[in-house]
Protein backbone atom coordinates (compact mmCIF):
# COMPACT_ATOMS: atom_id res chain seq x y z
CA UNK A 1 0.38 -0.23 0.01
CA UNK A 2 1.25 3.45 -0.95
CA UNK A 3 2.12 5.99 1.95
CA UNK A 4 0.91 9.07 1.94
CA UNK A 5 2.13 11.97 3.94
CA UNK A 6 -0.44 13.30 6.08
CA UNK A 7 -0.47 16.65 4.65
CA UNK A 8 -1.39 15.09 1.14
CA UNK A 9 -4.26 13.57 2.90
CA UNK A 10 -5.37 16.51 4.41
CA UNK A 11 -5.00 18.31 1.26
CA UNK A 12 -7.12 15.78 -0.42
CA UNK A 13 -9.80 15.70 2.31
CA UNK A 14 -10.10 20.04 2.21
CA UNK A 15 -10.25 20.11 -1.28
CA UNK A 16 -13.26 17.75 -1.42
CA UNK A 17 -15.19 19.08 1.76
CA UNK A 18 -14.97 22.58 1.14
CA UNK A 19 -16.38 23.10 -2.01
CA UNK A 20 -19.44 20.42 -0.95
CA UNK A 21 -20.13 22.53 2.39
CA UNK A 22 -20.31 25.45 0.48
CA UNK A 23 -22.66 24.12 -2.19
CA UNK A 24 -24.38 22.48 0.86
CA UNK A 25 -24.71 25.64 2.76
CA UNK A 26 -25.62 27.87 -0.69
CA UNK A 27 -28.55 24.90 -0.94
CA UNK A 28 -29.32 25.26 2.43
CA UNK A 29 -28.47 22.09 3.45
CA UNK A 30 -26.97 22.95 6.82
CA UNK A 31 -27.10 19.30 8.35
CA UNK A 32 -25.32 17.69 5.63
CA UNK A 33 -22.55 20.67 5.65
CA UNK A 34 -21.76 20.17 9.27
CA UNK A 35 -21.72 16.27 8.85
CA UNK A 36 -19.09 17.16 5.97
CA UNK A 37 -16.85 19.56 7.76
CA UNK A 38 -17.21 17.04 11.25
CA UNK A 39 -16.13 14.37 9.02
CA UNK A 40 -13.10 16.00 7.57
CA UNK A 41 -12.34 17.18 10.70
CA UNK A 42 -11.98 13.34 12.30
CA UNK A 43 -10.60 12.08 9.18
CA UNK A 44 -7.70 14.90 10.04
CA UNK A 45 -7.42 13.14 13.62
CA UNK A 46 -7.49 9.93 12.70
CA UNK A 47 -4.35 10.62 9.85
CA UNK A 48 -2.68 12.22 12.49
CA UNK A 49 -2.97 9.84 15.23
CA UNK A 50 -2.37 7.07 12.85
CA UNK A 51 1.06 8.72 12.02
CA UNK A 52 2.17 9.06 15.39
CA UNK A 53 1.03 5.53 16.57
CA UNK A 54 3.36 4.00 13.60
CA UNK A 55 6.52 2.70 15.15
């Protein structure tokens, strides 16, 4: 499996989530927008945690 840098994964997730959340807010789907933002934050924390747990 390819080992991507944390910053790369973070950039990819942010690049996908920001437009989606902007569109959701524009369409007044606040629940979806918040869910996307929260999932992006959780994903970033998981990636960050995995990086520090590796030997």
